[in-house]
């Protein structure tokens, strides 16, 4: 999932990635945290946090993990997909998401 958010073109795009990841049976949060720490890229923390916040109950994600992602988000709004323009701001995550993600079941802003 992290690699998909890092290089969405290799996964068929963000919409495909989000739809596919939503169908995962389980996520290893310790492994996920380890990978995010190794990359140490604010956009990845925010993307994973945005996704997990929208699927918190499905994957039994503790609030502490969501907070960890939020604490490592970008300081200012960033495009989730490089070289894109337009979209909608997920203010909690400082991510500008493509409009196409509105219909994918990702996390909406509270």
PDB file of N, CA and C in Angstrom:
ATOM      1  N   UNK A   1       0.827  -1.182   0.000  1.00  0.00           N
ATOM      2  CA  UNK A   1       0.000   0.000   0.000  1.00  0.00           C
ATOM      3  C   UNK A   1       0.877   1.253   0.000  1.00  0.00           C
ATOM      4  N   UNK A   2       1.907   1.271   0.825  1.00  0.00           N
ATOM      5  CA  UNK A   2       2.773   2.449   0.887  1.00  0.00           C
ATOM      6  C   UNK A   2       3.442   2.688  -0.465  1.00  0.00           C
ATOM      7  N   UNK A   3       3.957   1.634  -1.046  1.00  0.00           N
ATOM      8  CA  UNK A   3       4.610   1.770  -2.352  1.00  0.00           C
ATOM      9  C   UNK A   3       3.608   2.250  -3.401  1.00  0.00           C
ATOM     10  N   UNK A   4       2.374   1.830  -3.289  1.00  0.00           N
ATOM     11  CA  UNK A   4       1.338   2.295  -4.202  1.00  0.00           C
ATOM     12  C   UNK A   4       1.082   3.783  -4.066  1.00  0.00           C
ATOM     13  N   UNK A   5       1.050   4.286  -2.838  1.00  0.00           N
ATOM     14  CA  UNK A   5       0.874   5.725  -2.645  1.00  0.00           C
ATOM     15  C   UNK A   5       2.130   6.478  -3.090  1.00  0.00           C
ATOM     16  N   UNK A   6       3.280   5.857  -2.976  1.00  0.00           N
ATOM     17  CA  UNK A   6       4.526   6.493  -3.400  1.00  0.00           C
ATOM     18  C   UNK A   6       4.620   6.585  -4.915  1.00  0.00           C
ATOM     19  N   UNK A   7       4.177   5.541  -5.602  1.00  0.00           N
ATOM     20  CA  UNK A   7       4.260   5.492  -7.064  1.00  0.00           C
ATOM     21  C   UNK A   7       2.943   4.962  -7.640  1.00  0.00           C
ATOM     22  N   UNK A   8       1.891   5.781  -7.594  1.00  0.00           N
ATOM     23  CA  UNK A   8       0.556   5.320  -7.987  1.00  0.00           C
ATOM     24  C   UNK A   8       0.441   4.844  -9.431  1.00  0.00           C
ATOM     25  N   UNK A   9       1.286   5.323 -10.318  1.00  0.00           N
ATOM     26  CA  UNK A   9       1.204   4.895 -11.719  1.00  0.00           C
ATOM     27  C   UNK A   9       1.479   3.395 -11.853  1.00  0.00           C
ATOM     28  N   UNK A  10       2.231   2.835 -10.922  1.00  0.00           N
ATOM     29  CA  UNK A  10       2.553   1.404 -10.972  1.00  0.00           C
ATOM     30  C   UNK A  10       1.417   0.523 -10.451  1.00  0.00           C
ATOM     31  N   UNK A  11       0.400   1.140  -9.875  1.00  0.00           N
ATOM     32  CA  UNK A  11      -0.718   0.375  -9.322  1.00  0.00           C
ATOM     33  C   UNK A  11      -1.997   0.544 -10.127  1.00  0.00           C
ATOM     34  N   UNK A  12      -1.912   1.230 -11.233  1.00  0.00           N
ATOM     35  CA  UNK A  12      -3.120   1.494 -12.017  1.00  0.00           C
ATOM     36  C   UNK A  12      -3.782   2.788 -11.625  1.00  0.00           C
ATOM     37  N   UNK A  13      -3.132   3.574 -10.785  1.00  0.00           N
ATOM     38  CA  UNK A  13      -3.659   4.868 -10.361  1.00  0.00           C
ATOM     39  C   UNK A  13      -4.185   4.831  -8.933  1.00  0.00           C
ATOM     40  N   UNK A  14      -4.419   6.014  -8.398  1.00  0.00           N
ATOM     41  CA  UNK A  14      -4.846   6.127  -7.002  1.00  0.00           C
ATOM     42  C   UNK A  14      -6.210   5.502  -6.744  1.00  0.00           C
ATOM     43  N   UNK A  15      -7.125   5.689  -7.668  1.00  0.00           N
ATOM     44  CA  UNK A  15      -8.469   5.133  -7.477  1.00  0.00           C
ATOM     45  C   UNK A  15      -8.408   3.605  -7.370  1.00  0.00           C
ATOM     46  N   UNK A  16      -7.648   2.982  -8.256  1.00  0.00           N
ATOM     47  CA  UNK A  16      -7.480   1.525  -8.228  1.00  0.00           C
ATOM     48  C   UNK A  16      -6.791   1.080  -6.938  1.00  0.00           C
ATOM     49  N   UNK A  17      -5.779   1.826  -6.523  1.00  0.00           N
ATOM     50  CA  UNK A  17      -5.065   1.497  -5.287  1.00  0.00           C
ATOM     51  C   UNK A  17      -5.994   1.538  -4.082  1.00  0.00           C
ATOM     52  N   UNK A  18      -6.767   2.609  -3.959  1.00  0.00           N
ATOM     53  CA  UNK A  18      -7.663   2.764  -2.810  1.00  0.00           C
ATOM     54  C   UNK A  18      -8.728   1.674  -2.810  1.00  0.00           C
ATOM     55  N   UNK A  19      -9.286   1.377  -3.974  1.00  0.00           N
ATOM     56  CA  UNK A  19     -10.292   0.313  -4.059  1.00  0.00           C
ATOM     57  C   UNK A  19      -9.690  -1.037  -3.672  1.00  0.00           C
ATOM     58  N   UNK A  20      -8.509  -1.330  -4.175  1.00  0.00           N
ATOM     59  CA  UNK A  20      -7.861  -2.610  -3.880  1.00  0.00           C
ATOM     60  C   UNK A  20      -7.466  -2.717  -2.412  1.00  0.00           C
ATOM     61  N   UNK A  21      -6.886  -1.654  -1.873  1.00  0.00           N
ATOM     62  CA  UNK A  21      -6.453  -1.678  -0.475  1.00  0.00           C
ATOM     63  C   UNK A  21      -7.640  -1.818   0.470  1.00  0.00           C
ATOM     64  N   UNK A  22      -8.778  -1.268   0.099  1.00  0.00           N
ATOM     65  CA  UNK A  22      -9.976  -1.383   0.935  1.00  0.00           C
ATOM     66  C   UNK A  22     -10.432  -2.830   1.051  1.00  0.00           C
ATOM     67  N   UNK A  23     -10.026  -3.668   0.114  1.00  0.00           N
ATOM     68  CA  UNK A  23     -10.426  -5.077   0.129  1.00  0.00           C
ATOM     69  C   UNK A  23      -9.434  -5.977   0.866  1.00  0.00           C
ATOM     70  N   UNK A  24      -8.335  -5.398   1.370  1.00  0.00           N
ATOM     71  CA  UNK A  24      -7.384  -6.213   2.136  1.00  0.00           C
ATOM     72  C   UNK A  24      -8.110  -6.848   3.314  1.00  0.00           C
ATOM     73  N   UNK A  25      -7.706  -8.039   3.675  1.00  0.00           N
ATOM     74  CA  UNK A  25      -8.299  -8.725   4.820  1.00  0.00           C
ATOM     75  C   UNK A  25      -7.757  -8.180   6.141  1.00  0.00           C
ATOM     76  N   UNK A  26      -6.475  -7.879   6.162  1.00  0.00           N
ATOM     77  CA  UNK A  26      -5.834  -7.422   7.393  1.00  0.00           C
ATOM     78  C   UNK A  26      -4.611  -6.582   7.032  1.00  0.00           C
ATOM     79  N   UNK A  27      -4.232  -5.680   7.925  1.00  0.00           N
ATOM     80  CA  UNK A  27      -3.022  -4.885   7.751  1.00  0.00           C
ATOM     81  C   UNK A  27      -2.129  -5.081   8.973  1.00  0.00           C
ATOM     82  N   UNK A  28      -0.845  -5.248   8.734  1.00  0.00           N
ATOM     83  CA  UNK A  28       0.137  -5.348   9.809  1.00  0.00           C
ATOM     84  C   UNK A  28       0.599  -3.920  10.109  1.00  0.00           C
ATOM     85  N   UNK A  29       0.034  -3.331  11.151  1.00  0.00           N
ATOM     86  CA  UNK A  29       0.313  -1.930  11.452  1.00  0.00           C
ATOM     87  C   UNK A  29       1.759  -1.709  11.880  1.00  0.00           C
ATOM     88  N   UNK A  30       2.371  -2.686  12.537  1.00  0.00           N
ATOM     89  CA  UNK A  30       3.781  -2.547  12.912  1.00  0.00           C
ATOM     90  C   UNK A  30       4.661  -2.484  11.670  1.00  0.00           C
ATOM     91  N   UNK A  31       4.391  -3.345  10.717  1.00  0.00           N
ATOM     92  CA  UNK A  31       5.143  -3.328   9.467  1.00  0.00           C
ATOM     93  C   UNK A  31       4.886  -2.028   8.715  1.00  0.00           C
ATOM     94  N   UNK A  32       3.641  -1.604   8.683  1.00  0.00           N
ATOM     95  CA  UNK A  32       3.283  -0.361   8.010  1.00  0.00           C
ATOM     96  C   UNK A  32       4.048   0.817   8.622  1.00  0.00           C
ATOM     97  N   UNK A  33       4.086   0.880   9.939  1.00  0.00           N
ATOM     98  CA  UNK A  33       4.816   1.954  10.612  1.00  0.00           C
ATOM     99  C   UNK A  33       6.311   1.880  10.287  1.00  0.00           C
ATOM    100  N   UNK A  34       6.861   0.693  10.290  1.00  0.00           N
ATOM    101  CA  UNK A  34       8.283   0.521   9.988  1.00  0.00           C
ATOM    102  C   UNK A  34       8.607   1.026   8.580  1.00  0.00           C
ATOM    103  N   UNK A  35       7.767   0.701   7.628  1.00  0.00           N
ATOM    104  CA  UNK A  35       7.979   1.151   6.247  1.00  0.00           C
ATOM    105  C   UNK A  35       7.865   2.668   6.154  1.00  0.00           C
ATOM    106  N   UNK A  36       6.858   3.232   6.798  1.00  0.00           N
ATOM    107  CA  UNK A  36       6.675   4.680   6.763  1.00  0.00           C
ATOM    108  C   UNK A  36       7.864   5.394   7.406  1.00  0.00           C
ATOM    109  N   UNK A  37       8.379   4.846   8.480  1.00  0.00           N
ATOM    110  CA  UNK A  37       9.547   5.463   9.133  1.00  0.00           C
ATOM    111  C   UNK A  37      10.783   5.383   8.233  1.00  0.00           C
ATOM    112  N   UNK A  38      10.941   4.289   7.529  1.00  0.00           N
ATOM    113  CA  UNK A  38      12.105   4.152   6.635  1.00  0.00           C
ATOM    114  C   UNK A  38      12.042   5.160   5.485  1.00  0.00           C
ATOM    115  N   UNK A  39      10.874   5.332   4.895  1.00  0.00           N
ATOM    116  CA  UNK A  39      10.741   6.318   3.827  1.00  0.00           C
ATOM    117  C   UNK A  39      10.808   7.736   4.392  1.00  0.00           C
ATOM    118  N   UNK A  40      10.147   7.951   5.529  1.00  0.00           N
ATOM    119  CA  UNK A  40      10.105   9.257   6.190  1.00  0.00           C
ATOM    120  C   UNK A  40       9.716  10.373   5.212  1.00  0.00           C
ATOM    121  N   UNK A  41       8.620  10.145   4.494  1.00  0.00           N
ATOM    122  CA  UNK A  41       8.081  11.125   3.550  1.00  0.00           C
ATOM    123  C   UNK A  41       6.708  11.554   4.067  1.00  0.00           C
ATOM    124  N   UNK A  42       6.576  12.840   4.324  1.00  0.00           N
ATOM    125  CA  UNK A  42       5.346  13.358   4.926  1.00  0.00           C
ATOM    126  C   UNK A  42       4.103  13.006   4.112  1.00  0.00           C
ATOM    127  N   UNK A  43       4.201  13.081   2.783  1.00  0.00           N
ATOM    128  CA  UNK A  43       3.041  12.746   1.941  1.00  0.00           C
ATOM    129  C   UNK A  43       2.598  11.304   2.142  1.00  0.00           C
ATOM    130  N   UNK A  44       3.544  10.395   2.346  1.00  0.00           N
ATOM    131  CA  UNK A  44       3.179   8.995   2.558  1.00  0.00           C
ATOM    132  C   UNK A  44       2.483   8.815   3.896  1.00  0.00           C
ATOM    133  N   UNK A  45       2.996   9.461   4.924  1.00  0.00           N
ATOM    134  CA  UNK A  45       2.324   9.393   6.228  1.00  0.00           C
ATOM    135  C   UNK A  45       0.886   9.897   6.088  1.00  0.00           C
ATOM    136  N   UNK A  46       0.723  11.013   5.394  1.00  0.00           N
ATOM    137  CA  UNK A  46      -0.603  11.605   5.241  1.00  0.00           C
ATOM    138  C   UNK A  46      -1.522  10.716   4.403  1.00  0.00           C
ATOM    139  N   UNK A  47      -1.008  10.160   3.322  1.00  0.00           N
ATOM    140  CA  UNK A  47      -1.833   9.314   2.458  1.00  0.00           C
ATOM    141  C   UNK A  47      -2.304   8.073   3.208  1.00  0.00           C
ATOM    142  N   UNK A  48      -1.391   7.442   3.914  1.00  0.00           N
ATOM    143  CA  UNK A  48      -1.758   6.249   4.686  1.00  0.00           C
ATOM    144  C   UNK A  48      -2.729   6.629   5.798  1.00  0.00           C
ATOM    145  N   UNK A  49      -2.474   7.729   6.476  1.00  0.00           N
ATOM    146  CA  UNK A  49      -3.384   8.189   7.526  1.00  0.00           C
ATOM    147  C   UNK A  49      -4.763   8.494   6.987  1.00  0.00           C
ATOM    148  N   UNK A  50      -4.813   9.175   5.846  1.00  0.00           N
ATOM    149  CA  UNK A  50      -6.100   9.492   5.204  1.00  0.00           C
ATOM    150  C   UNK A  50      -6.853   8.209   4.893  1.00  0.00           C
ATOM    151  N   UNK A  51      -6.165   7.238   4.302  1.00  0.00           N
ATOM    152  CA  UNK A  51      -6.804   5.970   3.946  1.00  0.00           C
ATOM    153  C   UNK A  51      -7.281   5.233   5.198  1.00  0.00           C
ATOM    154  N   UNK A  52      -6.414   5.109   6.189  1.00  0.00           N
ATOM    155  CA  UNK A  52      -6.768   4.351   7.391  1.00  0.00           C
ATOM    156  C   UNK A  52      -7.871   5.031   8.198  1.00  0.00           C
ATOM    157  N   UNK A  53      -7.897   6.350   8.212  1.00  0.00           N
ATOM    158  CA  UNK A  53      -8.973   7.048   8.933  1.00  0.00           C
ATOM    159  C   UNK A  53     -10.324   6.714   8.314  1.00  0.00           C
ATOM    160  N   UNK A  54     -10.351   6.523   7.009  1.00  0.00           N
ATOM    161  CA  UNK A  54     -11.591   6.172   6.328  1.00  0.00           C
ATOM    162  C   UNK A  54     -11.973   4.713   6.481  1.00  0.00           C
ATOM    163  N   UNK A  55     -11.038   3.897   6.911  1.00  0.00           N
ATOM    164  CA  UNK A  55     -11.268   2.453   7.063  1.00  0.00           C
ATOM    165  C   UNK A  55     -10.861   1.988   8.459  1.00  0.00           C
ATOM    166  N   UNK A  56     -10.942   2.896   9.408  1.00  0.00           N
ATOM    167  CA  UNK A  56     -10.478   2.615  10.766  1.00  0.00           C
ATOM    168  C   UNK A  56     -11.192   1.419  11.382  1.00  0.00           C
ATOM    169  N   UNK A  57     -12.481   1.348  11.213  1.00  0.00           N
ATOM    170  CA  UNK A  57     -13.229   0.220  11.782  1.00  0.00           C
ATOM    171  C   UNK A  57     -12.960  -1.079  11.034  1.00  0.00           C
ATOM    172  N   UNK A  58     -12.830  -0.995   9.717  1.00  0.00           N
ATOM    173  CA  UNK A  58     -12.584  -2.195   8.906  1.00  0.00           C
ATOM    174  C   UNK A  58     -11.294  -2.893   9.309  1.00  0.00           C
ATOM    175  N   UNK A  59     -10.253  -2.105   9.577  1.00  0.00           N
ATOM    176  CA  UNK A  59      -8.938  -2.660   9.890  1.00  0.00           C
ATOM    177  C   UNK A  59      -8.585  -2.584  11.373  1.00  0.00           C
ATOM    178  N   UNK A  60      -9.528  -2.144  12.195  1.00  0.00           N
ATOM    179  CA  UNK A  60      -9.320  -2.048  13.643  1.00  0.00           C
ATOM    180  C   UNK A  60      -8.060  -1.235  13.964  1.00  0.00           C
ATOM    181  N   UNK A  61      -7.994  -0.061  13.368  1.00  0.00           N
ATOM    182  CA  UNK A  61      -6.834   0.806  13.547  1.00  0.00           C
ATOM    183  C   UNK A  61      -7.031   1.657  14.795  1.00  0.00           C
ATOM    184  N   UNK A  62      -6.122   1.551  15.751  1.00  0.00           N
ATOM    185  CA  UNK A  62      -6.258   2.378  16.950  1.00  0.00           C
ATOM    186  C   UNK A  62      -6.057   3.865  16.632  1.00  0.00           C
ATOM    187  N   UNK A  63      -6.724   4.683  17.385  1.00  0.00           N
ATOM    188  CA  UNK A  63      -6.606   6.130  17.204  1.00  0.00           C
ATOM    189  C   UNK A  63      -5.173   6.621  17.322  1.00  0.00           C
ATOM    190  N   UNK A  64      -4.373   5.935  18.115  1.00  0.00           N
ATOM    191  CA  UNK A  64      -2.976   6.332  18.287  1.00  0.00           C
ATOM    192  C   UNK A  64      -2.209   6.223  16.972  1.00  0.00           C
ATOM    193  N   UNK A  65      -2.548   5.210  16.163  1.00  0.00           N
ATOM    194  CA  UNK A  65      -1.854   5.060  14.881  1.00  0.00           C
ATOM    195  C   UNK A  65      -2.264   6.169  13.920  1.00  0.00           C
ATOM    196  N   UNK A  66      -3.537   6.512  13.926  1.00  0.00           N
ATOM    197  CA  UNK A  66      -4.021   7.626  13.090  1.00  0.00           C
ATOM    198  C   UNK A  66      -3.321   8.917  13.527  1.00  0.00           C
ATOM    199  N   UNK A  67      -3.201   9.118  14.836  1.00  0.00           N
ATOM    200  CA  UNK A  67      -2.534  10.318  15.355  1.00  0.00           C
ATOM    201  C   UNK A  67      -1.065  10.347  14.953  1.00  0.00           C
ATOM    202  N   UNK A  68      -0.406   9.201  14.960  1.00  0.00           N
ATOM    203  CA  UNK A  68       0.992   9.121  14.536  1.00  0.00           C
ATOM    204  C   UNK A  68       1.131   9.571  13.086  1.00  0.00           C
ATOM    205  N   UNK A  69       0.234   9.103  12.249  1.00  0.00           N
ATOM    206  CA  UNK A  69       0.249   9.520  10.843  1.00  0.00           C
ATOM    207  C   UNK A  69       0.005  11.021  10.730  1.00  0.00           C
ATOM    208  N   UNK A  70      -0.955  11.503  11.492  1.00  0.00           N
ATOM    209  CA  UNK A  70      -1.293  12.932  11.440  1.00  0.00           C
ATOM    210  C   UNK A  70      -0.121  13.789  11.912  1.00  0.00           C
ATOM    211  N   UNK A  71       0.609  13.327  12.901  1.00  0.00           N
ATOM    212  CA  UNK A  71       1.757  14.078  13.421  1.00  0.00           C
ATOM    213  C   UNK A  71       2.909  14.152  12.418  1.00  0.00           C
ATOM    214  N   UNK A  72       2.920  13.282  11.444  1.00  0.00           N
ATOM    215  CA  UNK A  72       4.001  13.239  10.449  1.00  0.00           C
ATOM    216  C   UNK A  72       3.571  13.749   9.079  1.00  0.00           C
ATOM    217  N   UNK A  73       2.383  14.346   8.984  1.00  0.00           N
ATOM    218  CA  UNK A  73       1.857  14.849   7.707  1.00  0.00           C
ATOM    219  C   UNK A  73       2.663  16.068   7.253  1.00  0.00           C
ATOM    220  N   UNK A  74       2.478  16.479   5.993  1.00  0.00           N
ATOM    221  CA  UNK A  74       3.163  17.685   5.506  1.00  0.00           C
ATOM    222  C   UNK A  74       2.711  18.928   6.274  1.00  0.00           C
ATOM    223  N   UNK A  75       3.598  19.877   6.359  1.00  0.00           N
ATOM    224  CA  UNK A  75       3.295  21.128   7.077  1.00  0.00           C
ATOM    225  C   UNK A  75       2.332  22.020   6.283  1.00  0.00           C
ATOM    226  N   UNK A  76       2.362  21.895   4.972  1.00  0.00           N
ATOM    227  CA  UNK A  76       1.466  22.675   4.112  1.00  0.00           C
ATOM    228  C   UNK A  76       0.835  21.720   3.093  1.00  0.00           C
ATOM    229  N   UNK A  77      -0.278  22.126   2.487  1.00  0.00           N
ATOM    230  CA  UNK A  77      -0.956  21.238   1.530  1.00  0.00           C
ATOM    231  C   UNK A  77      -0.048  20.807   0.376  1.00  0.00           C
ATOM    232  N   UNK A  78      -0.116  19.529   0.068  1.00  0.00           N
ATOM    233  CA  UNK A  78       0.676  18.922  -1.009  1.00  0.00           C
ATOM    234  C   UNK A  78      -0.250  18.081  -1.870  1.00  0.00           C
ATOM    235  N   UNK A  79       0.055  18.002  -3.143  1.00  0.00           N
ATOM    236  CA  UNK A  79      -0.700  17.118  -4.025  1.00  0.00           C
ATOM    237  C   UNK A  79      -0.305  15.681  -3.725  1.00  0.00           C
ATOM    238  N   UNK A  80      -1.286  14.815  -3.584  1.00  0.00           N
ATOM    239  CA  UNK A  80      -1.000  13.403  -3.374  1.00  0.00           C
ATOM    240  C   UNK A  80      -0.326  12.826  -4.609  1.00  0.00           C
ATOM    241  N   UNK A  81      -0.805  13.231  -5.772  1.00  0.00           N
ATOM    242  CA  UNK A  81      -0.225  12.785  -7.030  1.00  0.00           C
ATOM    243  C   UNK A  81       0.633  13.913  -7.585  1.00  0.00           C
ATOM    244  N   UNK A  82       1.918  13.639  -7.746  1.00  0.00           N
ATOM    245  CA  UNK A  82       2.805  14.663  -8.291  1.00  0.00           C
ATOM    246  C   UNK A  82       2.338  15.098  -9.673  1.00  0.00           C
ATOM    247  N   UNK A  83       2.654  16.334  -9.994  1.00  0.00           N
ATOM    248  CA  UNK A  83       2.347  16.909 -11.306  1.00  0.00           C
ATOM    249  C   UNK A  83       0.853  16.963 -11.599  1.00  0.00           C
ATOM    250  N   UNK A  84       0.000  16.954 -10.576  1.00  0.00           N
ATOM    251  CA  UNK A  84      -1.430  17.116 -10.834  1.00  0.00           C
ATOM    252  C   UNK A  84      -1.853  18.520 -10.455  1.00  0.00           C
ATOM    253  N   UNK A  85      -2.970  18.889 -10.955  1.00  0.00           N
ATOM    254  CA  UNK A  85      -3.575  20.177 -10.621  1.00  0.00           C
ATOM    255  C   UNK A  85      -5.058  19.928 -10.413  1.00  0.00           C
ATOM    256  N   UNK A  86      -5.647  20.782  -9.576  1.00  0.00           N
ATOM    257  CA  UNK A  86      -7.054  20.606  -9.256  1.00  0.00           C
ATOM    258  C   UNK A  86      -7.213  19.541  -8.187  1.00  0.00           C
ATOM    259  N   UNK A  87      -8.428  19.312  -7.791  1.00  0.00           N
ATOM    260  CA  UNK A  87      -8.702  18.321  -6.765  1.00  0.00           C
ATOM    261  C   UNK A  87      -9.358  18.953  -5.564  1.00  0.00           C
ATOM    262  N   UNK A  88      -9.387  18.189  -4.492  1.00  0.00           N
ATOM    263  CA  UNK A  88     -10.005  18.702  -3.258  1.00  0.00           C
ATOM    264  C   UNK A  88      -9.025  18.547  -2.118  1.00  0.00           C
ATOM    265  N   UNK A  89      -9.070  19.476  -1.192  1.00  0.00           N
ATOM    266  CA  UNK A  89      -8.168  19.475  -0.051  1.00  0.00           C
ATOM    267  C   UNK A  89      -8.739  18.623   1.069  1.00  0.00           C
ATOM    268  N   UNK A  90      -7.967  17.649   1.518  1.00  0.00           N
ATOM    269  CA  UNK A  90      -8.272  16.918   2.744  1.00  0.00           C
ATOM    270  C   UNK A  90      -7.476  17.645   3.828  1.00  0.00           C
ATOM    271  N   UNK A  91      -8.089  18.662   4.419  1.00  0.00           N
ATOM    272  CA  UNK A  91      -7.382  19.594   5.298  1.00  0.00           C
ATOM    273  C   UNK A  91      -6.708  18.904   6.475  1.00  0.00           C
ATOM    274  N   UNK A  92      -7.357  17.907   7.041  1.00  0.00           N
ATOM    275  CA  UNK A  92      -6.774  17.206   8.187  1.00  0.00           C
ATOM    276  C   UNK A  92      -5.405  16.629   7.840  1.00  0.00           C
ATOM    277  N   UNK A  93      -5.226  16.257   6.574  1.00  0.00           N
ATOM    278  CA  UNK A  93      -4.002  15.572   6.143  1.00  0.00           C
ATOM    279  C   UNK A  93      -3.096  16.452   5.293  1.00  0.00           C
ATOM    280  N   UNK A  94      -3.511  17.692   5.012  1.00  0.00           N
ATOM    281  CA  UNK A  94      -2.750  18.578   4.132  1.00  0.00           C
ATOM    282  C   UNK A  94      -2.460  17.914   2.792  1.00  0.00           C
ATOM    283  N   UNK A  95      -3.449  17.202   2.278  1.00  0.00           N
ATOM    284  CA  UNK A  95      -3.326  16.534   0.987  1.00  0.00           C
ATOM    285  C   UNK A  95      -4.372  17.069   0.020  1.00  0.00           C
ATOM    286  N   UNK A  96      -3.947  17.305  -1.192  1.00  0.00           N
ATOM    287  CA  UNK A  96      -4.884  17.654  -2.253  1.00  0.00           C
ATOM    288  C   UNK A  96      -5.108  16.374  -3.039  1.00  0.00           C
ATOM    289  N   UNK A  97      -6.329  15.868  -2.955  1.00  0.00           N
ATOM    290  CA  UNK A  97      -6.681  14.585  -3.556  1.00  0.00           C
ATOM    291  C   UNK A  97      -7.374  14.785  -4.891  1.00  0.00           C
ATOM    292  N   UNK A  98      -7.155  13.882  -5.837  1.00  0.00           N
ATOM    293  CA  UNK A  98      -7.892  13.966  -7.102  1.00  0.00           C
ATOM    294  C   UNK A  98      -9.391  13.833  -6.858  1.00  0.00           C
ATOM    295  N   UNK A  99     -10.181  14.521  -7.657  1.00  0.00           N
ATOM    296  CA  UNK A  99     -11.638  14.442  -7.530  1.00  0.00           C
ATOM    297  C   UNK A  99     -12.126  13.004  -7.660  1.00  0.00           C
ATOM    298  N   UNK A 100     -11.429  12.184  -8.425  1.00  0.00           N
ATOM    299  CA  UNK A 100     -11.860  10.806  -8.655  1.00  0.00           C
ATOM    300  C   UNK A 100     -11.903   9.993  -7.363  1.00  0.00           C
ATOM    301  N   UNK A 101     -11.171  10.400  -6.340  1.00  0.00           N
ATOM    302  CA  UNK A 101     -11.187   9.655  -5.079  1.00  0.00           C
ATOM    303  C   UNK A 101     -12.452   9.898  -4.272  1.00  0.00           C
ATOM    304  N   UNK A 102     -13.272  10.864  -4.661  1.00  0.00           N
ATOM    305  CA  UNK A 102     -14.527  11.100  -3.948  1.00  0.00           C
ATOM    306  C   UNK A 102     -15.426   9.881  -3.966  1.00  0.00           C
ATOM    307  N   UNK A 103     -15.411   9.118  -5.037  1.00  0.00           N
ATOM    308  CA  UNK A 103     -16.335   7.998  -5.184  1.00  0.00           C
ATOM    309  C   UNK A 103     -15.729   6.656  -4.791  1.00  0.00           C
ATOM    310  N   UNK A 104     -14.514   6.669  -4.252  1.00  0.00           N
ATOM    311  CA  UNK A 104     -13.832   5.402  -3.996  1.00  0.00           C
ATOM    312  C   UNK A 104     -14.017   4.887  -2.574  1.00  0.00           C
ATOM    313  N   UNK A 105     -14.655   5.630  -1.732  1.00  0.00           N
ATOM    314  CA  UNK A 105     -14.826   5.159  -0.357  1.00  0.00           C
ATOM    315  C   UNK A 105     -13.690   5.544   0.550  1.00  0.00           C
ATOM    316  N   UNK A 106     -12.839   6.482   0.115  1.00  0.00           N
ATOM    317  CA  UNK A 106     -11.753   6.970   0.968  1.00  0.00           C
ATOM    318  C   UNK A 106     -12.322   7.822   2.077  1.00  0.00           C
ATOM    319  N   UNK A 107     -11.455   8.268   2.942  1.00  0.00           N
ATOM    320  CA  UNK A 107     -11.892   9.039   4.111  1.00  0.00           C
ATOM    321  C   UNK A 107     -12.316  10.440   3.706  1.00  0.00           C
ATOM    322  N   UNK A 108     -13.535  10.800   4.034  1.00  0.00           N
ATOM    323  CA  UNK A 108     -13.977  12.173   3.825  1.00  0.00           C
ATOM    324  C   UNK A 108     -13.589  12.981   5.040  1.00  0.00           C
ATOM    325  N   UNK A 109     -13.495  14.265   4.842  1.00  0.00           N
ATOM    326  CA  UNK A 109     -13.165  15.142   5.958  1.00  0.00           C
ATOM    327  C   UNK A 109     -14.337  15.188   6.934  1.00  0.00           C
ATOM    328  N   UNK A 110     -14.032  15.254   8.223  1.00  0.00           N
ATOM    329  CA  UNK A 110     -15.121  15.321   9.225  1.00  0.00           C
ATOM    330  C   UNK A 110     -15.918  16.595   9.106  1.00  0.00           C
TER     331      UNK A 110
END
